[in-house]
Amino acid sequence: MSDMPMEIKERVKAVIPVSDDAYKFFLADALREPLIRKAIDFLDLPEGSCGLDAGCGIGDLTAMLAAKVGKKGHVTGIDLSSKHIKYANDILRDFDAGKRITLKCADVRNLPFQDNTFDWLWSSDCAGYPSESDPRSLLTGFKRVLKPGGLLAILGWSAQTLLPGYPRLEAALNSAAPYIAGVKQGKQFLNALAWFQDAGFENGKGHLFSGTIQAPLSEIKKEAVLAFFDMLWAGSSPGISREDWKVYRKISDPASTDFILDDPGYFGFYSYVMFTARKTT
């Protein structure tokens, strides 16, 4: 667990109120940490390199990136939310990785950096997810701040089975989810390789990473999975039947005798796709 030390996790819980929406991001990160570590390890970031975490949130993943580039490396994290940046600064300020991190409140669509600044750029659940109105324009900005030959890596949720035994209900929730419903053809995250090509990147590739969730679940894991439910399906009710929504509310209610996460046979899984490419030299 050296990439995200237990001390940082404890600091997160001390800094962010449980009632704050940002706490749900921490729960999600804690649950999917093994998967994200695999993705970061796969990149094999050069020791001593300089990178950008575009959409850094509360900074816990930024710390994992900083651990990979070592004591001579540096990571800049940006997020549109000033509250998230404040939390990130409070969480990381006393840790070794935090000394190699600079955090800024900034928009990924309008990067406040000079051309050819970074060796690599990472973005998790931000670039292209939810779908960007103009993803190719976003990637043009990413390309501008990367050095020639620099690495671009964007990671995004791609699929899940989290309601075992309810495949039709889960399909209905997914189809009505705001991040899917109404997305125009070619603008969905899994179209990223075409975006890379249009933006002038080379050697674009997709890489699949999967994670599992299996009973028995601790209370913190149940809380984390419920945070996933909320992020995925909180806005799905207008697009599904009243009866389906009633069933979903029942099986996702910890006070219900039908609470799905109390099932001793519960098994769920999810997948992320990471797209990588290089800026032309």
C-alpha atoms as a PDB file:
ATOM      1  CA  MET A   1       0.000   0.000   0.000  1.00  0.00           C
ATOM      2  CA  SER A   2       3.011   2.295  -0.330  1.00  0.00           C
ATOM      3  CA  ASP A   3       1.478   4.165  -3.291  1.00  0.00           C
ATOM      4  CA  MET A   4      -1.345   5.467  -1.125  1.00  0.00           C
ATOM      5  CA  PRO A   5      -0.098   5.210   2.468  1.00  0.00           C
ATOM      6  CA  MET A   6      -2.582   4.372   5.202  1.00  0.00           C
ATOM      7  CA  GLU A   7      -1.619   7.694   6.810  1.00  0.00           C
ATOM      8  CA  ILE A   8      -2.983   9.562   3.780  1.00  0.00           C
ATOM      9  CA  LYS A   9      -6.224   7.599   3.983  1.00  0.00           C
ATOM     10  CA  GLU A  10      -6.550   8.478   7.651  1.00  0.00           C
ATOM     11  CA  ARG A  11      -5.833  12.137   6.853  1.00  0.00           C
ATOM     12  CA  VAL A  12      -8.566  12.118   4.207  1.00  0.00           C
ATOM     13  CA  LYS A  13     -11.074  10.871   6.761  1.00  0.00           C
ATOM     14  CA  ALA A  14      -9.935  13.576   9.187  1.00  0.00           C
ATOM     15  CA  VAL A  15     -10.067  16.412   6.626  1.00  0.00           C
ATOM     16  CA  ILE A  16     -13.210  15.700   4.608  1.00  0.00           C
ATOM     17  CA  PRO A  17     -16.594  15.590   6.377  1.00  0.00           C
ATOM     18  CA  VAL A  18     -18.525  12.387   5.683  1.00  0.00           C
ATOM     19  CA  SER A  19     -21.460  14.551   4.582  1.00  0.00           C
ATOM     20  CA  ASP A  20     -19.389  16.223   1.846  1.00  0.00           C
ATOM     21  CA  ASP A  21     -19.703  14.928  -1.730  1.00  0.00           C
ATOM     22  CA  ALA A  22     -15.886  14.840  -1.915  1.00  0.00           C
ATOM     23  CA  TYR A  23     -15.915  12.021   0.640  1.00  0.00           C
ATOM     24  CA  LYS A  24     -17.648   9.830  -1.953  1.00  0.00           C
ATOM     25  CA  PHE A  25     -14.665  10.334  -4.266  1.00  0.00           C
ATOM     26  CA  PHE A  26     -12.374   9.121  -1.503  1.00  0.00           C
ATOM     27  CA  LEU A  27     -14.545   6.040  -0.946  1.00  0.00           C
ATOM     28  CA  ALA A  28     -14.498   5.261  -4.658  1.00  0.00           C
ATOM     29  CA  ASP A  29     -10.719   5.714  -4.812  1.00  0.00           C
ATOM     30  CA  ALA A  30     -10.200   3.487  -1.778  1.00  0.00           C
ATOM     31  CA  LEU A  31     -12.269   0.692  -3.335  1.00  0.00           C
ATOM     32  CA  ARG A  32     -10.700   0.834  -6.790  1.00  0.00           C
ATOM     33  CA  GLU A  33      -7.141   1.502  -5.548  1.00  0.00           C
ATOM     34  CA  PRO A  34      -5.717  -1.888  -6.659  1.00  0.00           C
ATOM     35  CA  LEU A  35      -7.049  -1.334 -10.183  1.00  0.00           C
ATOM     36  CA  ILE A  36      -5.718   2.216 -10.410  1.00  0.00           C
ATOM     37  CA  ARG A  37      -2.343   1.117  -9.076  1.00  0.00           C
ATOM     38  CA  LYS A  38      -2.188  -1.494 -11.850  1.00  0.00           C
ATOM     39  CA  ALA A  39      -2.915   1.195 -14.432  1.00  0.00           C
ATOM     40  CA  ILE A  40      -0.262   3.537 -13.026  1.00  0.00           C
ATOM     41  CA  ASP A  41       2.280   0.714 -12.778  1.00  0.00           C
ATOM     42  CA  PHE A  42       1.551  -0.187 -16.405  1.00  0.00           C
ATOM     43  CA  LEU A  43       2.598   3.317 -17.503  1.00  0.00           C
ATOM     44  CA  ASP A  44       6.088   2.831 -16.055  1.00  0.00           C
ATOM     45  CA  LEU A  45       6.508   6.574 -15.540  1.00  0.00           C
ATOM     46  CA  PRO A  46      10.184   7.573 -15.737  1.00  0.00           C
ATOM     47  CA  GLU A  47      11.817   8.379 -12.410  1.00  0.00           C
ATOM     48  CA  GLY A  48      12.527  12.094 -12.214  1.00  0.00           C
ATOM     49  CA  SER A  49       9.858  12.983 -14.784  1.00  0.00           C
ATOM     50  CA  CYS A  50       7.410  15.887 -14.608  1.00  0.00           C
ATOM     51  CA  GLY A  51       3.699  15.201 -15.080  1.00  0.00           C
ATOM     52  CA  LEU A  52       0.232  16.727 -14.936  1.00  0.00           C
ATOM     53  CA  ASP A  53      -2.767  15.167 -13.178  1.00  0.00           C
ATOM     54  CA  ALA A  54      -5.682  16.791 -15.019  1.00  0.00           C
ATOM     55  CA  GLY A  55      -8.734  16.623 -12.751  1.00  0.00           C
ATOM     56  CA  CYS A  56      -6.875  15.657  -9.582  1.00  0.00           C
ATOM     57  CA  GLY A  57      -9.840  15.814  -7.200  1.00  0.00           C
ATOM     58  CA  ILE A  58      -8.730  15.456  -3.578  1.00  0.00           C
ATOM     59  CA  GLY A  59      -5.161  14.523  -4.522  1.00  0.00           C
ATOM     60  CA  ASP A  60      -4.940  10.914  -3.345  1.00  0.00           C
ATOM     61  CA  LEU A  61      -4.257   9.604  -6.854  1.00  0.00           C
ATOM     62  CA  THR A  62      -1.833  12.488  -7.413  1.00  0.00           C
ATOM     63  CA  ALA A  63       0.160  11.132  -4.472  1.00  0.00           C
ATOM     64  CA  MET A  64       0.289   7.706  -6.133  1.00  0.00           C
ATOM     65  CA  LEU A  65       1.673   9.305  -9.301  1.00  0.00           C
ATOM     66  CA  ALA A  66       4.233  11.293  -7.299  1.00  0.00           C
ATOM     67  CA  ALA A  67       5.422   8.096  -5.619  1.00  0.00           C
ATOM     68  CA  LYS A  68       6.186   6.629  -9.035  1.00  0.00           C
ATOM     69  CA  VAL A  69       8.361   9.500 -10.301  1.00  0.00           C
ATOM     70  CA  GLY A  70      10.536   9.480  -7.187  1.00  0.00           C
ATOM     71  CA  LYS A  71      12.254  12.193  -5.210  1.00  0.00           C
ATOM     72  CA  LYS A  72      13.541  14.011  -8.298  1.00  0.00           C
ATOM     73  CA  GLY A  73      10.181  13.978 -10.066  1.00  0.00           C
ATOM     74  CA  HIS A  74       7.271  16.376  -9.803  1.00  0.00           C
ATOM     75  CA  VAL A  75       3.509  16.225 -10.357  1.00  0.00           C
ATOM     76  CA  THR A  76       1.177  19.167 -10.867  1.00  0.00           C
ATOM     77  CA  GLY A  77      -2.470  18.529 -10.047  1.00  0.00           C
ATOM     78  CA  ILE A  78      -5.310  20.732 -11.267  1.00  0.00           C
ATOM     79  CA  ASP A  79      -9.016  20.650 -10.526  1.00  0.00           C
ATOM     80  CA  LEU A  80     -11.880  23.003 -11.304  1.00  0.00           C
ATOM     81  CA  SER A  81     -13.126  22.792  -7.707  1.00  0.00           C
ATOM     82  CA  SER A  82     -11.326  25.124  -5.315  1.00  0.00           C
ATOM     83  CA  LYS A  83     -12.779  23.068  -2.458  1.00  0.00           C
ATOM     84  CA  HIS A  84     -11.131  19.912  -3.794  1.00  0.00           C
ATOM     85  CA  ILE A  85      -7.798  21.720  -4.123  1.00  0.00           C
ATOM     86  CA  LYS A  86      -8.051  22.944  -0.528  1.00  0.00           C
ATOM     87  CA  TYR A  87      -8.792  19.429   0.682  1.00  0.00           C
ATOM     88  CA  ALA A  88      -5.884  18.058  -1.366  1.00  0.00           C
ATOM     89  CA  ASN A  89      -3.458  20.605   0.099  1.00  0.00           C
ATOM     90  CA  ASP A  90      -4.636  19.815   3.624  1.00  0.00           C
ATOM     91  CA  ILE A  91      -4.327  16.058   3.019  1.00  0.00           C
ATOM     92  CA  LEU A  92      -0.882  16.046   1.397  1.00  0.00           C
ATOM     93  CA  ARG A  93       1.021  18.893   3.049  1.00  0.00           C
ATOM     94  CA  ASP A  94       2.890  16.812   5.645  1.00  0.00           C
ATOM     95  CA  PHE A  95       3.721  13.815   3.483  1.00  0.00           C
ATOM     96  CA  ASP A  96       6.851  13.144   1.474  1.00  0.00           C
ATOM     97  CA  ALA A  97       4.903  12.792  -1.782  1.00  0.00           C
ATOM     98  CA  GLY A  98       3.219  16.123  -1.093  1.00  0.00           C
ATOM     99  CA  LYS A  99       6.582  17.885  -1.312  1.00  0.00           C
ATOM    100  CA  ARG A 100       6.768  16.875  -4.973  1.00  0.00           C
ATOM    101  CA  ILE A 101       3.240  18.027  -5.822  1.00  0.00           C
ATOM    102  CA  THR A 102       1.926  21.443  -6.839  1.00  0.00           C
ATOM    103  CA  LEU A 103      -1.838  21.897  -6.774  1.00  0.00           C
ATOM    104  CA  LYS A 104      -3.762  24.548  -8.706  1.00  0.00           C
ATOM    105  CA  CYS A 105      -7.403  25.436  -9.245  1.00  0.00           C
ATOM    106  CA  ALA A 106      -7.708  25.388 -13.037  1.00  0.00           C
ATOM    107  CA  ASP A 107      -9.879  24.170 -15.907  1.00  0.00           C
ATOM    108  CA  VAL A 108      -8.658  21.187 -17.947  1.00  0.00           C
ATOM    109  CA  ARG A 109     -10.149  22.919 -20.996  1.00  0.00           C
ATOM    110  CA  ASN A 110      -7.945  25.978 -20.516  1.00  0.00           C
ATOM    111  CA  LEU A 111      -4.608  24.802 -19.161  1.00  0.00           C
ATOM    112  CA  PRO A 112      -2.545  27.621 -17.569  1.00  0.00           C
ATOM    113  CA  PHE A 113       0.819  26.207 -18.639  1.00  0.00           C
ATOM    114  CA  GLN A 114       3.348  26.977 -21.328  1.00  0.00           C
ATOM    115  CA  ASP A 115       3.797  24.779 -24.375  1.00  0.00           C
ATOM    116  CA  ASN A 116       5.956  21.649 -23.990  1.00  0.00           C
ATOM    117  CA  THR A 117       5.912  21.673 -20.181  1.00  0.00           C
ATOM    118  CA  PHE A 118       5.197  18.081 -19.127  1.00  0.00           C
ATOM    119  CA  ASP A 119       6.724  14.673 -19.817  1.00  0.00           C
ATOM    120  CA  TRP A 120       3.343  13.019 -19.336  1.00  0.00           C
ATOM    121  CA  LEU A 121      -0.296  13.860 -18.631  1.00  0.00           C
ATOM    122  CA  TRP A 122      -2.719  11.660 -16.691  1.00  0.00           C
ATOM    123  CA  SER A 123      -6.464  12.148 -16.311  1.00  0.00           C
ATOM    124  CA  SER A 124      -8.790   9.770 -14.443  1.00  0.00           C
ATOM    125  CA  ASP A 125     -12.596   9.930 -14.754  1.00  0.00           C
ATOM    126  CA  CYS A 126     -12.339  13.451 -16.091  1.00  0.00           C
ATOM    127  CA  ALA A 127     -11.206  13.809 -19.716  1.00  0.00           C
ATOM    128  CA  GLY A 128     -13.962  12.425 -21.903  1.00  0.00           C
ATOM    129  CA  TYR A 129     -15.885  11.047 -18.914  1.00  0.00           C
ATOM    130  CA  PRO A 130     -18.582  12.186 -18.657  1.00  0.00           C
ATOM    131  CA  SER A 131     -18.591  12.837 -22.378  1.00  0.00           C
ATOM    132  CA  GLU A 132     -17.025  16.130 -23.383  1.00  0.00           C
ATOM    133  CA  SER A 133     -18.950  18.425 -25.724  1.00  0.00           C
ATOM    134  CA  ASP A 134     -15.760  18.754 -27.786  1.00  0.00           C
ATOM    135  CA  PRO A 135     -13.238  16.067 -26.745  1.00  0.00           C
ATOM    136  CA  ARG A 136     -10.916  16.775 -29.664  1.00  0.00           C
ATOM    137  CA  SER A 137     -10.499  20.385 -28.566  1.00  0.00           C
ATOM    138  CA  LEU A 138      -9.676  19.172 -25.057  1.00  0.00           C
ATOM    139  CA  LEU A 139      -6.982  16.851 -26.396  1.00  0.00           C
ATOM    140  CA  THR A 140      -5.500  19.665 -28.469  1.00  0.00           C
ATOM    141  CA  GLY A 141      -4.897  21.518 -25.200  1.00  0.00           C
ATOM    142  CA  PHE A 142      -3.344  18.423 -23.655  1.00  0.00           C
ATOM    143  CA  LYS A 143      -1.066  18.039 -26.664  1.00  0.00           C
ATOM    144  CA  ARG A 144       0.082  21.659 -26.408  1.00  0.00           C
ATOM    145  CA  VAL A 145       1.440  21.300 -22.867  1.00  0.00           C
ATOM    146  CA  LEU A 146       3.125  17.942 -23.460  1.00  0.00           C
ATOM    147  CA  LYS A 147       6.745  17.813 -24.548  1.00  0.00           C
ATOM    148  CA  PRO A 148       7.477  16.202 -27.940  1.00  0.00           C
ATOM    149  CA  GLY A 149       7.181  12.451 -27.439  1.00  0.00           C
ATOM    150  CA  GLY A 150       5.267  13.017 -24.191  1.00  0.00           C
ATOM    151  CA  LEU A 151       2.808  10.396 -22.930  1.00  0.00           C
ATOM    152  CA  LEU A 152      -0.943  10.983 -22.620  1.00  0.00           C
ATOM    153  CA  ALA A 153      -2.999   8.580 -20.488  1.00  0.00           C
ATOM    154  CA  ILE A 154      -6.726   8.957 -19.825  1.00  0.00           C
ATOM    155  CA  LEU A 155      -8.524   6.463 -17.622  1.00  0.00           C
ATOM    156  CA  GLY A 156     -12.287   6.036 -17.447  1.00  0.00           C
ATOM    157  CA  TRP A 157     -14.998   3.730 -16.163  1.00  0.00           C
ATOM    158  CA  SER A 158     -16.210   1.462 -18.961  1.00  0.00           C
ATOM    159  CA  ALA A 159     -18.589  -1.182 -17.577  1.00  0.00           C
ATOM    160  CA  GLN A 160     -19.824  -2.914 -14.454  1.00  0.00           C
ATOM    161  CA  THR A 161     -22.005  -5.658 -13.045  1.00  0.00           C
ATOM    162  CA  LEU A 162     -22.835  -4.494  -9.531  1.00  0.00           C
ATOM    163  CA  LEU A 163     -26.398  -5.803  -9.176  1.00  0.00           C
ATOM    164  CA  PRO A 164     -25.973  -9.584  -9.564  1.00  0.00           C
ATOM    165  CA  GLY A 165     -29.335 -11.247 -10.025  1.00  0.00           C
ATOM    166  CA  TYR A 166     -30.886  -8.090 -11.501  1.00  0.00           C
ATOM    167  CA  PRO A 167     -29.455  -7.879 -15.047  1.00  0.00           C
ATOM    168  CA  ARG A 168     -32.500  -6.247 -16.631  1.00  0.00           C
ATOM    169  CA  LEU A 169     -32.764  -3.658 -13.844  1.00  0.00           C
ATOM    170  CA  GLU A 170     -29.049  -2.824 -14.093  1.00  0.00           C
ATOM    171  CA  ALA A 171     -29.329  -2.480 -17.879  1.00  0.00           C
ATOM    172  CA  ALA A 172     -32.281  -0.097 -17.445  1.00  0.00           C
ATOM    173  CA  LEU A 173     -30.399   1.996 -14.884  1.00  0.00           C
ATOM    174  CA  ASN A 174     -27.354   2.162 -17.157  1.00  0.00           C
ATOM    175  CA  SER A 175     -29.327   3.199 -20.225  1.00  0.00           C
ATOM    176  CA  ALA A 176     -30.995   6.013 -18.267  1.00  0.00           C
ATOM    177  CA  ALA A 177     -27.825   7.234 -16.526  1.00  0.00           C
ATOM    178  CA  PRO A 178     -27.033  10.882 -17.325  1.00  0.00           C
ATOM    179  CA  TYR A 179     -23.477  10.051 -18.439  1.00  0.00           C
ATOM    180  CA  ILE A 180     -24.895   7.716 -21.147  1.00  0.00           C
ATOM    181  CA  ALA A 181     -28.333   9.028 -22.066  1.00  0.00           C
ATOM    182  CA  GLY A 182     -28.207  11.584 -24.838  1.00  0.00           C
ATOM    183  CA  VAL A 183     -24.492  11.155 -25.611  1.00  0.00           C
ATOM    184  CA  LYS A 184     -23.972  11.752 -29.311  1.00  0.00           C
ATOM    185  CA  GLN A 185     -22.303   9.185 -31.526  1.00  0.00           C
ATOM    186  CA  GLY A 186     -18.536   9.536 -31.441  1.00  0.00           C
ATOM    187  CA  LYS A 187     -18.526  11.495 -28.170  1.00  0.00           C
ATOM    188  CA  GLN A 188     -18.484   8.553 -25.749  1.00  0.00           C
ATOM    189  CA  PHE A 189     -15.286   7.806 -23.835  1.00  0.00           C
ATOM    190  CA  LEU A 190     -14.592   4.554 -25.694  1.00  0.00           C
ATOM    191  CA  ASN A 191     -14.207   6.587 -28.896  1.00  0.00           C
ATOM    192  CA  ALA A 192     -10.978   8.091 -27.501  1.00  0.00           C
ATOM    193  CA  LEU A 193      -8.666   6.426 -30.026  1.00  0.00           C
ATOM    194  CA  ALA A 194     -10.419   8.341 -32.810  1.00  0.00           C
ATOM    195  CA  TRP A 195     -10.036  11.554 -30.792  1.00  0.00           C
ATOM    196  CA  PHE A 196      -6.318  10.876 -30.400  1.00  0.00           C
ATOM    197  CA  GLN A 197      -5.898  10.414 -34.121  1.00  0.00           C
ATOM    198  CA  ASP A 198      -7.833  13.585 -34.950  1.00  0.00           C
ATOM    199  CA  ALA A 199      -5.795  15.577 -32.406  1.00  0.00           C
ATOM    200  CA  GLY A 200      -2.509  14.432 -33.969  1.00  0.00           C
ATOM    201  CA  PHE A 201      -1.331  11.938 -31.371  1.00  0.00           C
ATOM    202  CA  GLU A 202       0.414   8.752 -32.420  1.00  0.00           C
ATOM    203  CA  ASN A 203       0.587   5.145 -31.238  1.00  0.00           C
ATOM    204  CA  GLY A 204      -2.842   5.268 -29.598  1.00  0.00           C
ATOM    205  CA  LYS A 205      -3.776   2.126 -27.665  1.00  0.00           C
ATOM    206  CA  GLY A 206      -6.485   0.949 -25.288  1.00  0.00           C
ATOM    207  CA  HIS A 207      -5.787  -1.102 -22.150  1.00  0.00           C
ATOM    208  CA  LEU A 208      -8.427  -2.882 -20.043  1.00  0.00           C
ATOM    209  CA  PHE A 209      -8.248  -3.187 -16.244  1.00  0.00           C
ATOM    210  CA  SER A 210     -10.830  -4.951 -14.082  1.00  0.00           C
ATOM    211  CA  GLY A 211     -11.684  -5.063 -10.406  1.00  0.00           C
ATOM    212  CA  THR A 212     -13.879  -7.315  -8.276  1.00  0.00           C
ATOM    213  CA  ILE A 213     -16.056  -6.810  -5.202  1.00  0.00           C
ATOM    214  CA  GLN A 214     -16.831  -9.951  -3.238  1.00  0.00           C
ATOM    215  CA  ALA A 215     -18.659 -10.820  -0.017  1.00  0.00           C
ATOM    216  CA  PRO A 216     -18.212 -10.617   2.853  1.00  0.00           C
ATOM    217  CA  LEU A 217     -18.009  -6.843   2.627  1.00  0.00           C
ATOM    218  CA  SER A 218     -16.821  -4.622   5.456  1.00  0.00           C
ATOM    219  CA  GLU A 219     -18.971  -1.649   6.368  1.00  0.00           C
ATOM    220  CA  ILE A 220     -16.519   0.743   4.693  1.00  0.00           C
ATOM    221  CA  LYS A 221     -16.635  -1.326   1.491  1.00  0.00           C
ATOM    222  CA  LYS A 222     -20.423  -1.310   1.562  1.00  0.00           C
ATOM    223  CA  GLU A 223     -20.298   2.453   1.950  1.00  0.00           C
ATOM    224  CA  ALA A 224     -17.903   2.664  -0.991  1.00  0.00           C
ATOM    225  CA  VAL A 225     -20.086   0.501  -3.250  1.00  0.00           C
ATOM    226  CA  LEU A 226     -23.121   2.597  -2.312  1.00  0.00           C
ATOM    227  CA  ALA A 227     -21.114   5.671  -3.352  1.00  0.00           C
ATOM    228  CA  PHE A 228     -20.545   3.935  -6.696  1.00  0.00           C
ATOM    229  CA  PHE A 229     -24.279   3.284  -6.994  1.00  0.00           C
ATOM    230  CA  ASP A 230     -24.972   6.934  -6.343  1.00  0.00           C
ATOM    231  CA  MET A 231     -22.409   8.201  -8.866  1.00  0.00           C
ATOM    232  CA  LEU A 232     -23.679   5.812 -11.530  1.00  0.00           C
ATOM    233  CA  TRP A 233     -27.427   5.880 -11.067  1.00  0.00           C
ATOM    234  CA  ALA A 234     -28.575   8.751  -8.839  1.00  0.00           C
ATOM    235  CA  GLY A 235     -30.001  10.562 -11.882  1.00  0.00           C
ATOM    236  CA  SER A 236     -31.528   7.518 -13.587  1.00  0.00           C
ATOM    237  CA  SER A 237     -35.031   7.616 -12.057  1.00  0.00           C
ATOM    238  CA  PRO A 238     -36.669   9.807 -14.773  1.00  0.00           C
ATOM    239  CA  GLY A 239     -35.643   7.316 -17.461  1.00  0.00           C
ATOM    240  CA  ILE A 240     -36.889   4.054 -15.942  1.00  0.00           C
ATOM    241  CA  SER A 241     -40.242   2.726 -14.786  1.00  0.00           C
ATOM    242  CA  ARG A 242     -41.568   3.538 -11.346  1.00  0.00           C
ATOM    243  CA  GLU A 243     -41.567  -0.163 -10.480  1.00  0.00           C
ATOM    244  CA  ASP A 244     -37.915  -0.590 -11.502  1.00  0.00           C
ATOM    245  CA  TRP A 245     -36.907   2.424  -9.431  1.00  0.00           C
ATOM    246  CA  LYS A 246     -38.815   1.010  -6.462  1.00  0.00           C
ATOM    247  CA  VAL A 247     -36.929  -2.292  -6.736  1.00  0.00           C
ATOM    248  CA  TYR A 248     -33.607  -0.488  -7.064  1.00  0.00           C
ATOM    249  CA  ARG A 249     -34.287   1.664  -4.013  1.00  0.00           C
ATOM    250  CA  LYS A 250     -35.148  -1.449  -1.999  1.00  0.00           C
ATOM    251  CA  ILE A 251     -32.054  -3.466  -2.859  1.00  0.00           C
ATOM    252  CA  SER A 252     -29.758  -0.448  -2.402  1.00  0.00           C
ATOM    253  CA  ASP A 253     -31.158   0.519   1.025  1.00  0.00           C
ATOM    254  CA  PRO A 254     -28.953  -0.647   3.946  1.00  0.00           C
ATOM    255  CA  ALA A 255     -32.048  -0.737   6.160  1.00  0.00           C
ATOM    256  CA  SER A 256     -33.878  -3.113   3.818  1.00  0.00           C
ATOM    257  CA  THR A 257     -33.974  -6.868   4.361  1.00  0.00           C
ATOM    258  CA  ASP A 258     -33.282  -7.120   0.607  1.00  0.00           C
ATOM    259  CA  PHE A 259     -30.097  -5.000   0.749  1.00  0.00           C
ATOM    260  CA  ILE A 260     -27.976  -6.570  -1.967  1.00  0.00           C
ATOM    261  CA  LEU A 261     -24.631  -5.897  -0.272  1.00  0.00           C
ATOM    262  CA  ASP A 262     -25.687  -8.017   2.722  1.00  0.00           C
ATOM    263  CA  ASP A 263     -26.047 -11.057   0.448  1.00  0.00           C
ATOM    264  CA  PRO A 264     -23.391 -13.574   1.605  1.00  0.00           C
ATOM    265  CA  GLY A 265     -22.937 -14.617  -2.032  1.00  0.00           C
ATOM    266  CA  TYR A 266     -22.509 -11.093  -3.414  1.00  0.00           C
ATOM    267  CA  PHE A 267     -20.018 -10.785  -6.264  1.00  0.00           C
ATOM    268  CA  GLY A 268     -19.654  -7.777  -8.527  1.00  0.00           C
ATOM    269  CA  PHE A 269     -17.056  -6.540 -10.950  1.00  0.00           C
ATOM    270  CA  TYR A 270     -16.209  -3.445 -12.928  1.00  0.00           C
ATOM    271  CA  SER A 271     -13.784  -2.406 -15.612  1.00  0.00           C
ATOM    272  CA  TYR A 272     -11.776   0.649 -16.561  1.00  0.00           C
ATOM    273  CA  VAL A 273     -10.157   1.414 -19.889  1.00  0.00           C
ATOM    274  CA  MET A 274      -6.982   3.458 -20.125  1.00  0.00           C
ATOM    275  CA  PHE A 275      -6.165   5.012 -23.473  1.00  0.00           C
ATOM    276  CA  THR A 276      -2.563   6.018 -24.103  1.00  0.00           C
ATOM    277  CA  ALA A 277      -0.854   7.863 -26.926  1.00  0.00           C
ATOM    278  CA  ARG A 278       2.257   9.916 -27.635  1.00  0.00           C
ATOM    279  CA  LYS A 279       2.636  13.465 -28.816  1.00  0.00           C
ATOM    280  CA  THR A 280       4.403  13.419 -32.159  1.00  0.00           C
ATOM    281  CA  THR A 281       8.093  14.198 -31.899  1.00  0.00           C
END
